[in-house]
Amino acid sequence: MNNLLVLYQTDSSPNNSSHLSWKIYCEKHNIKLNYFNYIVNNKLDRTNQIFYFYKILESNNIDIDNIAFIADTTLVNQNTPNLFNFTDTKLKFAEWDSDFSYLFTNLEVYNDFYFKMNNLDFTRFFDLSFFIVNKLHKESFNNIINFLEENYEEINNKLDTSFIPQNFFFNCEYKKLPYTWNMIDMFRKEITLDVNLKKIGFIFNFKGIPNKEKIMEQLVNLL
């Protein structure tokens, strides 16, 4: 299979610790790595640039079977198995285990104003810091871009665009992996940010943690 791991930049500067962590991991498992730091549309924030990725592949006549998109707010446990061993035709993501009040509120607002879905299932919504897709999800990417380009100015100053609206377009078969594949909100969960992390998880997400760059730099060679 022709697989690709896309580590994408989330802040104004690259995260060298995250890049190093995933570079070591990808070399170990013979996985192609792309550190995606391009701005395709400067009206959208950095996270949303990744949804242009299939358009970029098409324009360069590049064919990829599976793509793992991972935010550069993460470090990986080097004992983590090859994440592409879990691929099939289904969308893959890690279970959301964070602020459910935030999730419910934003889901309801977006649904009321834009999507009008009945029986909204919050369990299929996921953080964009880790997910795996394939060519079957290319249309979802294009629909996300169309929605954001049409509505971004209207919603940008009122709502969070980091991951809630994008999820509405992944109305497809999916498989959830455990929280250990995207350990968000570690600070609020009182998870000790030291070498013991590698005993309890696979992918550690430092998004929202004060001084995350310094902490990640200290841990990158210990995990």
Protein backbone atom coordinates (compact mmCIF):
# COMPACT_ATOMS: atom_id res chain seq x y z
CA MET A 1 0.00 0.00 0.00
CA ASN A 2 1.11 3.53 -0.77
CA ASN A 3 0.70 5.31 2.57
CA LEU A 4 1.65 8.79 3.74
CA LEU A 5 1.84 10.43 7.15
CA VAL A 6 1.14 14.16 6.97
CA LEU A 7 2.35 16.09 9.99
CA TYR A 8 0.79 19.53 9.69
CA GLN A 9 1.91 22.82 11.18
CA THR A 10 -0.59 24.40 13.56
CA ASP A 11 1.19 27.58 14.73
CA SER A 12 3.12 30.35 13.04
CA SER A 13 6.42 28.47 13.55
CA PRO A 14 7.27 24.82 12.88
CA ASN A 15 7.47 22.48 15.87
CA ASN A 16 10.88 20.86 15.55
CA SER A 17 10.33 18.44 18.43
CA SER A 18 7.17 17.04 16.89
CA HIS A 19 8.86 16.76 13.51
CA LEU A 20 11.81 14.88 15.00
CA SER A 21 9.53 12.53 16.94
CA TRP A 22 7.52 11.56 13.87
CA LYS A 23 10.60 11.40 11.65
CA ILE A 24 12.15 8.75 13.92
CA TYR A 25 8.87 6.84 14.03
CA CYS A 26 8.35 6.93 10.25
CA GLU A 27 11.90 5.79 9.54
CA LYS A 28 11.39 2.87 11.93
CA HIS A 29 8.24 1.74 10.10
CA ASN A 30 9.30 2.76 6.58
CA ILE A 31 6.47 5.31 6.29
CA LYS A 32 6.64 8.33 4.01
CA LEU A 33 6.50 11.59 5.99
CA ASN A 34 5.42 15.02 4.77
CA TYR A 35 5.64 18.04 7.06
CA PHE A 36 2.85 20.15 5.63
CA ASN A 37 3.35 23.85 6.33
CA TYR A 38 1.88 25.46 3.22
CA ILE A 39 -0.74 28.19 3.22
CA VAL A 40 -3.04 27.44 0.30
CA ASN A 41 -5.75 29.91 1.31
CA ASN A 42 -4.64 32.65 3.70
CA LYS A 43 -8.24 33.34 4.71
CA LEU A 44 -8.35 30.02 6.55
CA ASP A 45 -6.38 29.03 9.62
CA ARG A 46 -3.51 26.57 9.42
CA THR A 47 -5.45 23.48 10.44
CA ASN A 48 -7.93 23.92 7.61
CA GLN A 49 -5.15 24.06 5.01
CA ILE A 50 -4.96 20.26 5.19
CA PHE A 51 -8.32 19.93 3.44
CA TYR A 52 -6.68 21.15 0.23
CA PHE A 53 -4.36 18.16 0.34
CA TYR A 54 -6.24 15.97 -2.14
CA LYS A 55 -6.42 18.87 -4.58
CA ILE A 56 -2.65 19.24 -4.27
CA LEU A 57 -2.15 15.52 -4.90
CA GLU A 58 -4.38 15.64 -7.97
CA SER A 59 -2.63 18.68 -9.41
CA ASN A 60 0.70 16.83 -9.10
CA ASN A 61 -0.64 13.48 -10.35
CA ILE A 62 0.24 11.77 -7.07
CA ASP A 63 -1.73 8.74 -5.95
CA ILE A 64 -1.83 7.80 -2.24
CA ASP A 65 -3.86 4.95 -0.73
CA ASN A 66 -4.06 6.05 2.93
CA ILE A 67 -3.16 9.33 4.61
CA ALA A 68 -2.73 9.91 8.33
CA PHE A 69 -3.12 13.59 9.27
CA ILE A 70 -1.43 14.46 12.55
CA ALA A 71 -1.01 17.86 14.21
CA ASP A 72 2.46 19.05 15.16
CA THR A 73 1.28 19.56 18.73
CA THR A 74 2.00 15.83 19.22
CA LEU A 75 4.79 13.47 20.12
CA VAL A 76 4.65 9.76 19.40
CA ASN A 77 5.68 6.89 21.65
CA GLN A 78 8.36 5.12 19.61
CA ASN A 79 6.91 1.77 20.73
CA THR A 80 3.66 2.60 18.91
CA PRO A 81 2.79 -0.02 16.27
CA ASN A 82 2.58 1.00 12.64
CA LEU A 83 -0.62 3.06 12.56
CA PHE A 84 -1.31 1.96 8.97
CA ASN A 85 -1.81 -1.58 10.25
CA PHE A 86 -5.25 -0.35 11.31
CA THR A 87 -6.36 0.93 7.92
CA ASP A 88 -9.27 -0.28 5.82
CA THR A 89 -11.93 1.63 3.93
CA LYS A 90 -13.24 3.28 7.11
CA LEU A 91 -12.37 6.67 8.52
CA LYS A 92 -10.15 6.23 11.61
CA PHE A 93 -9.84 8.60 14.53
CA ALA A 94 -9.27 8.59 18.28
CA GLU A 95 -12.12 8.78 20.75
CA TRP A 96 -12.93 12.28 22.02
CA ASP A 97 -12.31 12.48 25.75
CA SER A 98 -12.17 16.15 26.54
CA ASP A 99 -14.52 19.09 27.19
CA PHE A 100 -17.98 17.73 26.37
CA SER A 101 -19.69 21.03 27.19
CA TYR A 102 -17.61 22.69 24.47
CA LEU A 103 -18.40 19.87 22.05
CA PHE A 104 -22.17 19.85 22.66
CA THR A 105 -22.53 23.63 22.53
CA ASN A 106 -20.67 24.02 19.24
CA LEU A 107 -22.38 21.03 17.66
CA GLU A 108 -25.81 22.41 18.48
CA VAL A 109 -25.00 25.89 17.20
CA TYR A 110 -23.55 24.65 13.92
CA ASN A 111 -26.38 22.21 13.43
CA ASP A 112 -29.06 24.83 14.15
CA PHE A 113 -27.60 27.40 11.75
CA TYR A 114 -26.13 25.30 8.95
CA PHE A 115 -26.65 21.55 8.87
CA LYS A 116 -30.14 20.84 10.25
CA MET A 117 -29.41 17.18 10.96
CA ASN A 118 -31.84 15.05 12.95
CA ASN A 119 -30.58 12.65 15.62
CA LEU A 120 -27.12 14.17 15.73
CA ASP A 121 -24.65 11.58 17.04
CA PHE A 122 -21.93 13.32 19.05
CA THR A 123 -19.92 10.08 19.40
CA ARG A 124 -18.70 10.25 15.80
CA PHE A 125 -17.13 13.71 16.21
CA PHE A 126 -13.37 13.84 16.58
CA ASP A 127 -10.48 16.21 17.06
CA LEU A 128 -8.51 16.77 13.84
CA SER A 129 -5.16 16.21 15.54
CA PHE A 130 -5.16 12.55 14.47
CA PHE A 131 -7.22 10.85 11.77
CA ILE A 132 -6.66 8.48 8.87
CA VAL A 133 -8.45 8.72 5.53
CA ASN A 134 -8.27 7.23 2.06
CA LYS A 135 -9.45 8.16 -1.44
CA LEU A 136 -13.06 7.44 -0.51
CA HIS A 137 -12.96 10.55 1.67
CA LYS A 138 -11.72 12.92 -1.02
CA GLU A 139 -15.24 14.25 -1.61
CA SER A 140 -15.56 15.07 2.09
CA PHE A 141 -12.38 17.14 1.88
CA ASN A 142 -13.69 19.04 -1.13
CA ASN A 143 -17.04 19.67 0.55
CA ILE A 144 -15.31 20.99 3.66
CA ILE A 145 -13.29 23.43 1.58
CA ASN A 146 -16.40 24.61 -0.26
CA PHE A 147 -18.25 25.17 3.01
CA LEU A 148 -15.38 27.03 4.67
CA GLU A 149 -14.67 29.21 1.66
CA GLU A 150 -18.33 30.18 1.40
CA ASN A 151 -18.97 30.76 5.10
CA TYR A 152 -15.64 31.45 6.80
CA GLU A 153 -16.01 35.22 7.09
CA GLU A 154 -19.49 34.80 8.54
CA ILE A 155 -18.52 32.24 11.17
CA ASN A 156 -14.88 33.08 11.94
CA ASN A 157 -15.60 35.80 14.48
CA LYS A 158 -18.53 33.99 16.08
CA LEU A 159 -17.74 30.28 16.19
CA ASP A 160 -14.85 27.90 16.60
CA THR A 161 -13.74 26.54 13.22
CA SER A 162 -10.98 24.25 14.51
CA PHE A 163 -12.81 20.94 14.01
CA ILE A 164 -16.58 21.03 14.65
CA PRO A 165 -17.96 22.03 11.20
CA GLN A 166 -15.56 19.73 9.35
CA ASN A 167 -16.95 16.72 11.18
CA PHE A 168 -20.41 17.18 9.67
CA PHE A 169 -19.00 16.23 6.27
CA PHE A 170 -17.62 12.87 7.40
CA ASN A 171 -20.96 11.11 7.30
CA CYS A 172 -19.35 7.77 6.51
CA GLU A 173 -18.33 4.47 8.05
CA TYR A 174 -15.79 4.98 10.78
CA LYS A 175 -13.80 3.19 13.44
CA LYS A 176 -12.79 4.81 16.70
CA LEU A 177 -9.45 4.02 18.28
CA PRO A 178 -8.96 4.48 22.04
CA TYR A 179 -8.05 7.78 23.67
CA THR A 180 -4.44 6.57 23.85
CA TRP A 181 -4.12 7.40 20.12
CA ASN A 182 -4.70 11.12 20.73
CA MET A 183 -4.19 12.01 24.37
CA ILE A 184 -5.63 15.52 24.46
CA ASP A 185 -6.12 17.68 27.56
CA MET A 186 -3.43 15.84 29.51
CA PHE A 187 -2.87 18.91 31.67
CA ARG A 188 -6.49 19.04 32.84
CA LYS A 189 -6.51 15.27 33.39
CA GLU A 190 -3.50 15.63 35.73
CA ILE A 191 -1.47 13.25 33.59
CA THR A 192 2.18 13.66 34.55
CA LEU A 193 4.13 15.08 31.62
CA ASP A 194 7.30 13.05 31.93
CA VAL A 195 8.93 9.90 30.63
CA ASN A 196 6.16 7.79 32.18
CA LEU A 197 3.86 8.91 29.36
CA LYS A 198 5.19 6.09 27.20
CA LYS A 199 3.74 3.57 29.65
CA ILE A 200 0.16 4.75 29.11
CA GLY A 201 -0.31 5.87 25.52
CA PHE A 202 0.73 6.10 21.89
CA ILE A 203 0.21 9.70 20.72
CA PHE A 204 0.53 12.58 23.18
CA ASN A 205 -1.15 15.87 22.27
CA PHE A 206 0.25 18.97 23.98
CA LYS A 207 -2.23 21.40 22.43
CA GLY A 208 -3.38 23.99 24.96
CA ILE A 209 -0.64 23.19 27.48
CA PRO A 210 1.42 26.20 28.67
CA ASN A 211 5.04 26.13 27.44
CA LYS A 212 4.28 23.10 25.29
CA GLU A 213 7.30 23.65 23.02
CA LYS A 214 9.71 23.52 25.96
CA ILE A 215 8.05 20.44 27.46
CA MET A 216 8.01 18.66 24.09
CA GLU A 217 11.68 19.47 23.54
CA GLN A 218 12.52 17.88 26.91
CA LEU A 219 10.52 14.73 26.16
CA VAL A 220 11.13 14.06 22.49
CA ASN A 221 14.21 11.87 23.03
CA LEU A 222 12.72 10.09 26.06
CA LEU A 223 9.57 8.68 24.46
